[in-house]
PDB file of N, CA and C in Angstrom:
ATOM      1  N   MET A   1     101.717 111.017 118.516  1.00  0.00           N
ATOM      2  CA  MET A   1     101.263 109.796 117.600  1.00  0.00           C
ATOM      3  C   MET A   1     101.343 110.255 116.199  1.00  0.00           C
ATOM      4  N   LYS A   2     101.708 109.133 115.878  1.00  0.00           N
ATOM      5  CA  LYS A   2     101.655 108.688 114.653  1.00  0.00           C
ATOM      6  C   LYS A   2     101.137 108.124 113.674  1.00  0.00           C
ATOM      7  N   VAL A   3      99.905 107.671 112.969  1.00  0.00           N
ATOM      8  CA  VAL A   3      98.881 106.496 113.071  1.00  0.00           C
ATOM      9  C   VAL A   3      99.584 106.983 111.137  1.00  0.00           C
ATOM     10  N   ILE A   4      99.696 105.214 110.296  1.00  0.00           N
ATOM     11  CA  ILE A   4     100.542 105.128 109.037  1.00  0.00           C
ATOM     12  C   ILE A   4      99.729 103.571 108.683  1.00  0.00           C
ATOM     13  N   MET A   5      98.846 103.908 107.299  1.00  0.00           N
ATOM     14  CA  MET A   5      98.175 102.954 106.623  1.00  0.00           C
ATOM     15  C   MET A   5      98.688 102.835 105.416  1.00  0.00           C
ATOM     16  N   LEU A   6      99.616 101.403 105.804  1.00  0.00           N
ATOM     17  CA  LEU A   6     100.499 100.921 104.070  1.00  0.00           C
ATOM     18  C   LEU A   6      99.377  99.925 103.685  1.00  0.00           C
ATOM     19  N   TYR A   7      99.259 100.315 102.566  1.00  0.00           N
ATOM     20  CA  TYR A   7      97.867  99.892 101.903  1.00  0.00           C
ATOM     21  C   TYR A   7      98.785  99.773  99.987  1.00  0.00           C
ATOM     22  N   HIS A   8      97.972  98.955  99.482  1.00  0.00           N
ATOM     23  CA  HIS A   8      98.504  98.899  97.891  1.00  0.00           C
ATOM     24  C   HIS A   8      97.232  99.915  97.784  1.00  0.00           C
ATOM     25  N   PRO A   9      97.331 100.454  96.738  1.00  0.00           N
ATOM     26  CA  PRO A   9      96.371 101.684  96.123  1.00  0.00           C
ATOM     27  C   PRO A   9      95.691 101.585  95.049  1.00  0.00           C
ATOM     28  N   VAL A  10      96.569 100.149  94.344  1.00  0.00           N
ATOM     29  CA  VAL A  10      95.523  99.337  93.392  1.00  0.00           C
ATOM     30  C   VAL A  10      95.199  98.326  93.841  1.00  0.00           C
ATOM     31  N   SER A  11      93.726  98.301  94.486  1.00  0.00           N
ATOM     32  CA  SER A  11      93.105  96.944  94.664  1.00  0.00           C
ATOM     33  C   SER A  11      92.299  97.501  95.314  1.00  0.00           C
ATOM     34  N   GLU A  12      91.466  96.423  95.692  1.00  0.00           N
ATOM     35  CA  GLU A  12      90.362  96.597  96.490  1.00  0.00           C
ATOM     36  C   GLU A  12      89.584  96.886  97.122  1.00  0.00           C
ATOM     37  N   HIS A  13      91.532  97.693  98.407  1.00  0.00           N
ATOM     38  CA  HIS A  13      90.530  98.289  99.587  1.00  0.00           C
ATOM     39  C   HIS A  13      91.048  99.518  99.759  1.00  0.00           C
ATOM     40  N   ALA A  14      91.382  99.628  98.275  1.00  0.00           N
ATOM     41  CA  ALA A  14      92.298 101.304  98.075  1.00  0.00           C
ATOM     42  C   ALA A  14      90.787 101.888  98.588  1.00  0.00           C
ATOM     43  N   ARG A  15      90.176 102.076  98.138  1.00  0.00           N
ATOM     44  CA  ARG A  15      89.033 103.352  98.633  1.00  0.00           C
ATOM     45  C   ARG A  15      88.668 102.612 100.088  1.00  0.00           C
ATOM     46  N   ARG A  16      88.340 101.761 100.798  1.00  0.00           N
ATOM     47  CA  ARG A  16      87.875 101.517 102.052  1.00  0.00           C
ATOM     48  C   ARG A  16      89.138 102.374 102.477  1.00  0.00           C
ATOM     49  N   VAL A  17      89.958 101.813 102.452  1.00  0.00           N
ATOM     50  CA  VAL A  17      91.406 102.770 103.096  1.00  0.00           C
ATOM     51  C   VAL A  17      91.300 104.235 103.399  1.00  0.00           C
ATOM     52  N   GLU A  18      91.489 105.525 102.241  1.00  0.00           N
ATOM     53  CA  GLU A  18      91.253 106.545 101.816  1.00  0.00           C
ATOM     54  C   GLU A  18      90.119 106.599 102.099  1.00  0.00           C
ATOM     55  N   GLU A  19      89.293 105.728 102.635  1.00  0.00           N
ATOM     56  CA  GLU A  19      87.593 106.716 103.506  1.00  0.00           C
ATOM     57  C   GLU A  19      87.693 106.431 103.945  1.00  0.00           C
ATOM     58  N   PHE A  20      88.213 105.237 104.472  1.00  0.00           N
ATOM     59  CA  PHE A  20      88.603 105.774 107.044  1.00  0.00           C
ATOM     60  C   PHE A  20      89.290 106.827 106.978  1.00  0.00           C
ATOM     61  N   ALA A  21      90.638 107.203 106.017  1.00  0.00           N
ATOM     62  CA  ALA A  21      91.551 108.142 106.629  1.00  0.00           C
ATOM     63  C   ALA A  21      91.184 109.488 106.234  1.00  0.00           C
ATOM     64  N   LYS A  22      89.895 109.743 105.323  1.00  0.00           N
ATOM     65  CA  LYS A  22      89.246 111.062 105.169  1.00  0.00           C
ATOM     66  C   LYS A  22      88.372 110.727 107.066  1.00  0.00           C
ATOM     67  N   ASP A  23      87.723 110.093 106.464  1.00  0.00           N
ATOM     68  CA  ASP A  23      87.222 109.989 107.609  1.00  0.00           C
ATOM     69  C   ASP A  23      87.398 109.978 109.205  1.00  0.00           C
ATOM     70  N   PHE A  24      88.351 110.147 109.669  1.00  0.00           N
ATOM     71  CA  PHE A  24      89.179 109.541 111.156  1.00  0.00           C
ATOM     72  C   PHE A  24      89.419 110.903 110.943  1.00  0.00           C
ATOM     73  N   GLU A  25      90.423 111.964 110.118  1.00  0.00           N
ATOM     74  CA  GLU A  25      91.147 113.138 110.116  1.00  0.00           C
ATOM     75  C   GLU A  25      89.737 113.843 109.887  1.00  0.00           C
ATOM     76  N   ARG A  26      88.139 113.924 109.872  1.00  0.00           N
ATOM     77  CA  ARG A  26      87.188 114.827 110.540  1.00  0.00           C
ATOM     78  C   ARG A  26      86.570 114.613 111.569  1.00  0.00           C
ATOM     79  N   ILE A  27      86.678 113.257 111.875  1.00  0.00           N
ATOM     80  CA  ILE A  27      86.207 112.869 113.044  1.00  0.00           C
ATOM     81  C   ILE A  27      86.915 113.704 114.251  1.00  0.00           C
ATOM     82  N   HIS A  28      88.129 112.230 114.168  1.00  0.00           N
ATOM     83  CA  HIS A  28      89.206 112.719 115.303  1.00  0.00           C
ATOM     84  C   HIS A  28      90.100 113.795 115.414  1.00  0.00           C
ATOM     85  N   HIS A  29      90.236 114.021 114.413  1.00  0.00           N
ATOM     86  CA  HIS A  29      90.960 115.481 114.022  1.00  0.00           C
ATOM     87  C   HIS A  29      92.808 114.792 113.934  1.00  0.00           C
ATOM     88  N   HIS A  30      92.981 113.944 113.766  1.00  0.00           N
ATOM     89  CA  HIS A  30      94.021 113.355 113.759  1.00  0.00           C
ATOM     90  C   HIS A  30      94.614 112.723 112.149  1.00  0.00           C
ATOM     91  N   ASP A  31      95.297 113.731 111.389  1.00  0.00           N
ATOM     92  CA  ASP A  31      95.965 112.553 110.123  1.00  0.00           C
ATOM     93  C   ASP A  31      95.782 111.486 110.273  1.00  0.00           C
ATOM     94  N   ILE A  32      95.981 110.687 109.368  1.00  0.00           N
ATOM     95  CA  ILE A  32      96.480 109.190 108.368  1.00  0.00           C
ATOM     96  C   ILE A  32      97.670 109.065 107.380  1.00  0.00           C
ATOM     97  N   GLU A  33      98.474 108.832 107.658  1.00  0.00           N
ATOM     98  CA  GLU A  33      99.897 109.100 106.545  1.00  0.00           C
ATOM     99  C   GLU A  33      98.594 107.720 106.234  1.00  0.00           C
ATOM    100  N   LEU A  34      98.960 107.957 104.572  1.00  0.00           N
ATOM    101  CA  LEU A  34      98.633 106.690 103.418  1.00  0.00           C
ATOM    102  C   LEU A  34     100.022 106.270 102.914  1.00  0.00           C
ATOM    103  N   ILE A  35     100.507 104.672 102.912  1.00  0.00           N
ATOM    104  CA  ILE A  35     102.190 105.199 101.909  1.00  0.00           C
ATOM    105  C   ILE A  35     101.561 103.633 101.686  1.00  0.00           C
ATOM    106  N   SER A  36     101.615 103.637  99.965  1.00  0.00           N
ATOM    107  CA  SER A  36     101.711 103.058  99.209  1.00  0.00           C
ATOM    108  C   SER A  36     103.391 101.950  99.492  1.00  0.00           C
ATOM    109  N   LEU A  37     102.642 100.799  99.540  1.00  0.00           N
ATOM    110  CA  LEU A  37     103.313  99.417  99.020  1.00  0.00           C
ATOM    111  C   LEU A  37     104.326  99.528  97.981  1.00  0.00           C
ATOM    112  N   GLU A  38     103.998 100.286  97.341  1.00  0.00           N
ATOM    113  CA  GLU A  38     104.771  99.899  96.397  1.00  0.00           C
ATOM    114  C   GLU A  38     105.734 100.647  96.123  1.00  0.00           C
ATOM    115  N   THR A  39     105.859 101.542  97.255  1.00  0.00           N
ATOM    116  CA  THR A  39     107.136 102.618  96.990  1.00  0.00           C
ATOM    117  C   THR A  39     107.981 101.382  97.968  1.00  0.00           C
ATOM    118  N   PRO A  40     109.615 102.413  97.733  1.00  0.00           N
ATOM    119  CA  PRO A  40     110.588 101.322  98.913  1.00  0.00           C
ATOM    120  C   PRO A  40     109.915 102.393  99.970  1.00  0.00           C
ATOM    121  N   GLU A  41     109.788 102.901  99.967  1.00  0.00           N
ATOM    122  CA  GLU A  41     109.874 103.569 101.779  1.00  0.00           C
ATOM    123  C   GLU A  41     108.299 102.460 102.555  1.00  0.00           C
ATOM    124  N   GLY A  42     107.001 102.585 101.832  1.00  0.00           N
ATOM    125  CA  GLY A  42     106.511 101.387 102.411  1.00  0.00           C
ATOM    126  C   GLY A  42     106.756 100.182 102.652  1.00  0.00           C
ATOM    127  N   ALA A  43     107.348  99.777 101.379  1.00  0.00           N
ATOM    128  CA  ALA A  43     107.615  98.401 101.793  1.00  0.00           C
ATOM    129  C   ALA A  43     108.783  97.663 102.791  1.00  0.00           C
ATOM    130  N   ASN A  44     110.013  99.309 103.177  1.00  0.00           N
ATOM    131  CA  ASN A  44     110.978  99.624 104.222  1.00  0.00           C
ATOM    132  C   ASN A  44     109.950  99.204 104.923  1.00  0.00           C
ATOM    133  N   LEU A  45     109.207  99.552 105.347  1.00  0.00           N
ATOM    134  CA  LEU A  45     108.379  99.836 107.106  1.00  0.00           C
ATOM    135  C   LEU A  45     107.152  98.675 106.747  1.00  0.00           C
ATOM    136  N   ALA A  46     106.840  98.109 105.602  1.00  0.00           N
ATOM    137  CA  ALA A  46     105.951  96.754 105.886  1.00  0.00           C
ATOM    138  C   ALA A  46     106.653  95.275 107.257  1.00  0.00           C
ATOM    139  N   LYS A  47     108.413  95.829 106.830  1.00  0.00           N
ATOM    140  CA  LYS A  47     109.104  94.858 107.168  1.00  0.00           C
ATOM    141  C   LYS A  47     109.196  95.040 107.680  1.00  0.00           C
ATOM    142  N   VAL A  48     109.969  96.198 108.043  1.00  0.00           N
ATOM    143  CA  VAL A  48     110.458  97.075 110.191  1.00  0.00           C
ATOM    144  C   VAL A  48     109.776  96.574 111.112  1.00  0.00           C
ATOM    145  N   TYR A  49     108.039  96.964 110.650  1.00  0.00           N
ATOM    146  CA  TYR A  49     106.544  96.508 111.834  1.00  0.00           C
ATOM    147  C   TYR A  49     106.295  94.901 111.461  1.00  0.00           C
ATOM    148  N   ASP A  50     106.732  94.298 110.414  1.00  0.00           N
ATOM    149  CA  ASP A  50     106.285  93.011 110.644  1.00  0.00           C
ATOM    150  C   ASP A  50     104.862  92.523 110.083  1.00  0.00           C
ATOM    151  N   ILE A  51     104.202  93.754 109.283  1.00  0.00           N
ATOM    152  CA  ILE A  51     103.350  94.070 107.874  1.00  0.00           C
ATOM    153  C   ILE A  51     103.201  92.606 107.496  1.00  0.00           C
ATOM    154  N   VAL A  52     102.344  91.383 107.349  1.00  0.00           N
ATOM    155  CA  VAL A  52     102.423  90.945 106.227  1.00  0.00           C
ATOM    156  C   VAL A  52     100.989  90.765 105.770  1.00  0.00           C
ATOM    157  N   GLN A  53      99.625  91.412 106.126  1.00  0.00           N
ATOM    158  CA  GLN A  53      98.256  91.361 105.686  1.00  0.00           C
ATOM    159  C   GLN A  53      98.418  92.653 105.300  1.00  0.00           C
ATOM    160  N   TYR A  54      96.932  93.009 104.144  1.00  0.00           N
ATOM    161  CA  TYR A  54      97.166  94.134 104.226  1.00  0.00           C
ATOM    162  C   TYR A  54      95.438  94.474 103.517  1.00  0.00           C
ATOM    163  N   PRO A  55      94.844  95.633 103.912  1.00  0.00           N
ATOM    164  CA  PRO A  55      96.411  96.895 104.339  1.00  0.00           C
ATOM    165  C   PRO A  55      96.778  96.692 106.246  1.00  0.00           C
ATOM    166  N   GLY A  56      97.733  97.759 105.942  1.00  0.00           N
ATOM    167  CA  GLY A  56      98.202  97.758 107.791  1.00  0.00           C
ATOM    168  C   GLY A  56      98.742  99.159 108.211  1.00  0.00           C
ATOM    169  N   ILE A  57      97.789  99.158 109.716  1.00  0.00           N
ATOM    170  CA  ILE A  57      98.068 100.591 110.121  1.00  0.00           C
ATOM    171  C   ILE A  57      98.768 100.926 111.237  1.00  0.00           C
ATOM    172  N   VAL A  58      99.671 101.060 111.323  1.00  0.00           N
ATOM    173  CA  VAL A  58     100.864 100.925 112.201  1.00  0.00           C
ATOM    174  C   VAL A  58     100.431 102.654 113.279  1.00  0.00           C
ATOM    175  N   ILE A  59     100.463 102.143 115.025  1.00  0.00           N
ATOM    176  CA  ILE A  59     100.977 103.871 115.053  1.00  0.00           C
ATOM    177  C   ILE A  59     102.071 103.863 116.287  1.00  0.00           C
ATOM    178  N   THR A  60     102.585 105.462 115.384  1.00  0.00           N
ATOM    179  CA  THR A  60     103.455 105.055 116.771  1.00  0.00           C
ATOM    180  C   THR A  60     103.827 106.443 117.458  1.00  0.00           C
ATOM    181  N   GLN A  61     105.195 106.182 118.387  1.00  0.00           N
ATOM    182  CA  GLN A  61     105.483 107.491 118.653  1.00  0.00           C
ATOM    183  C   GLN A  61     105.961 108.321 117.850  1.00  0.00           C
ATOM    184  N   ASP A  62     106.565 109.746 118.336  1.00  0.00           N
ATOM    185  CA  ASP A  62     106.662 110.119 117.404  1.00  0.00           C
ATOM    186  C   ASP A  62     108.333 109.935 117.471  1.00  0.00           C
ATOM    187  N   ASP A  63     108.925 109.101 118.232  1.00  0.00           N
ATOM    188  CA  ASP A  63     110.535 109.093 117.538  1.00  0.00           C
ATOM    189  C   ASP A  63     110.830 107.318 117.412  1.00  0.00           C
ATOM    190  N   GLY A  64     109.401 106.912 117.162  1.00  0.00           N
ATOM    191  CA  GLY A  64     109.089 106.061 116.217  1.00  0.00           C
ATOM    192  C   GLY A  64     109.075 104.851 116.597  1.00  0.00           C
ATOM    193  N   ALA A  65     108.818 104.488 117.615  1.00  0.00           N
ATOM    194  CA  ALA A  65     108.547 103.659 118.456  1.00  0.00           C
ATOM    195  C   ALA A  65     107.804 102.503 118.573  1.00  0.00           C
ATOM    196  N   HIS A  66     107.325 101.154 118.372  1.00  0.00           N
ATOM    197  CA  HIS A  66     106.236 100.962 117.940  1.00  0.00           C
ATOM    198  C   HIS A  66     105.164 100.572 119.064  1.00  0.00           C
ATOM    199  N   MET A  67     103.983 101.516 118.897  1.00  0.00           N
ATOM    200  CA  MET A  67     102.896 101.507 120.223  1.00  0.00           C
ATOM    201  C   MET A  67     101.534 100.020 119.505  1.00  0.00           C
ATOM    202  N   LYS A  68     101.095  99.843 118.850  1.00  0.00           N
ATOM    203  CA  LYS A  68      99.926  99.044 119.017  1.00  0.00           C
ATOM    204  C   LYS A  68     100.189  99.065 116.887  1.00  0.00           C
ATOM    205  N   GLN A  69      99.046  98.076 116.073  1.00  0.00           N
ATOM    206  CA  GLN A  69      98.945  98.068 114.830  1.00  0.00           C
ATOM    207  C   GLN A  69      98.175  97.283 114.790  1.00  0.00           C
ATOM    208  N   TRP A  70      97.364  97.254 113.474  1.00  0.00           N
ATOM    209  CA  TRP A  70      95.930  95.908 112.591  1.00  0.00           C
ATOM    210  C   TRP A  70      96.762  95.652 111.399  1.00  0.00           C
ATOM    211  N   GLU A  71      96.528  95.062 111.234  1.00  0.00           N
ATOM    212  CA  GLU A  71      96.907  93.954 110.098  1.00  0.00           C
ATOM    213  C   GLU A  71      95.905  93.155 108.888  1.00  0.00           C
ATOM    214  N   GLY A  72      95.234  93.279 108.053  1.00  0.00           N
ATOM    215  CA  GLY A  72      94.095  92.386 107.527  1.00  0.00           C
ATOM    216  C   GLY A  72      92.945  93.168 107.288  1.00  0.00           C
ATOM    217  N   ASP A  73      92.142  92.103 106.002  1.00  0.00           N
ATOM    218  CA  ASP A  73      91.557  92.661 105.591  1.00  0.00           C
ATOM    219  C   ASP A  73      90.410  93.786 106.092  1.00  0.00           C
ATOM    220  N   THR A  74      90.252  93.614 107.304  1.00  0.00           N
ATOM    221  CA  THR A  74      88.970  94.162 108.951  1.00  0.00           C
ATOM    222  C   THR A  74      89.683  95.633 109.089  1.00  0.00           C
ATOM    223  N   LEU A  75      89.454  96.838 109.129  1.00  0.00           N
ATOM    224  CA  LEU A  75      89.536  97.075 109.325  1.00  0.00           C
ATOM    225  C   LEU A  75      89.834  97.428 110.921  1.00  0.00           C
ATOM    226  N   PRO A  76      90.406  97.800 111.909  1.00  0.00           N
ATOM    227  CA  PRO A  76      89.194  98.009 113.474  1.00  0.00           C
ATOM    228  C   PRO A  76      88.860  99.125 113.205  1.00  0.00           C
ATOM    229  N   LEU A  77      87.927  99.305 114.456  1.00  0.00           N
ATOM    230  CA  LEU A  77      86.886 100.669 114.892  1.00  0.00           C
ATOM    231  C   LEU A  77      87.515 101.971 114.761  1.00  0.00           C
ATOM    232  N   MET A  78      87.456 102.877 113.917  1.00  0.00           N
ATOM    233  CA  MET A  78      87.911 104.655 114.340  1.00  0.00           C
ATOM    234  C   MET A  78      88.389 104.942 115.831  1.00  0.00           C
ATOM    235  N   THR A  79      87.035 104.052 116.465  1.00  0.00           N
ATOM    236  CA  THR A  79      87.820 105.067 118.064  1.00  0.00           C
ATOM    237  C   THR A  79      88.429 104.181 119.102  1.00  0.00           C
ATOM    238  N   GLU A  80      88.948 102.531 118.891  1.00  0.00           N
ATOM    239  CA  GLU A  80      89.566 102.113 118.714  1.00  0.00           C
ATOM    240  C   GLU A  80      90.863 102.728 118.673  1.00  0.00           C
ATOM    241  N   VAL A  81      91.161 103.092 117.409  1.00  0.00           N
ATOM    242  CA  VAL A  81      92.223 103.797 116.808  1.00  0.00           C
ATOM    243  C   VAL A  81      92.465 105.084 117.615  1.00  0.00           C
ATOM    244  N   ALA A  82      91.239 105.868 118.079  1.00  0.00           N
ATOM    245  CA  ALA A  82      91.595 106.725 118.610  1.00  0.00           C
ATOM    246  C   ALA A  82      91.361 106.437 119.249  1.00  0.00           C
ATOM    247  N   ALA A  83      91.746 105.846 120.058  1.00  0.00           N
ATOM    248  CA  ALA A  83      92.114 105.456 122.272  1.00  0.00           C
ATOM    249  C   ALA A  83      93.351 105.487 122.087  1.00  0.00           C
ATOM    250  N   HIS A  84      94.152 104.736 120.949  1.00  0.00           N
ATOM    251  CA  HIS A  84      95.350 104.706 121.354  1.00  0.00           C
ATOM    252  C   HIS A  84      95.981 106.111 121.140  1.00  0.00           C
ATOM    253  N   ILE A  85      95.813 106.929 120.243  1.00  0.00           N
ATOM    254  CA  ILE A  85      96.812 107.904 120.242  1.00  0.00           C
ATOM    255  C   ILE A  85      96.244 109.401 120.500  1.00  0.00           C
ATOM    256  N   GLN A  86      95.655 109.370 122.317  1.00  0.00           N
ATOM    257  CA  GLN A  86      95.368 110.442 123.032  1.00  0.00           C
ATOM    258  C   GLN A  86      96.206 110.309 123.671  1.00  0.00           C
TER     259      GLN A  86
END
């Protein structure tokens, strides 16, 4: 499973997103890939997964198949994200 967070690095939610990813890795031993929406890759992923509110979290299978997503200012609980990658 792959966990991706799409966000704007220069925004009011950037620090919270970066801390979430760091704490998630420390607690659950699984990386969250942070991708800037300012990059072509980030903009493309937002279109592919229809993310319109930021930050956005997408969980995919290794082949890219969509599993679960959250979007908007309220981040999910870390345990909620971890439950989908077990």
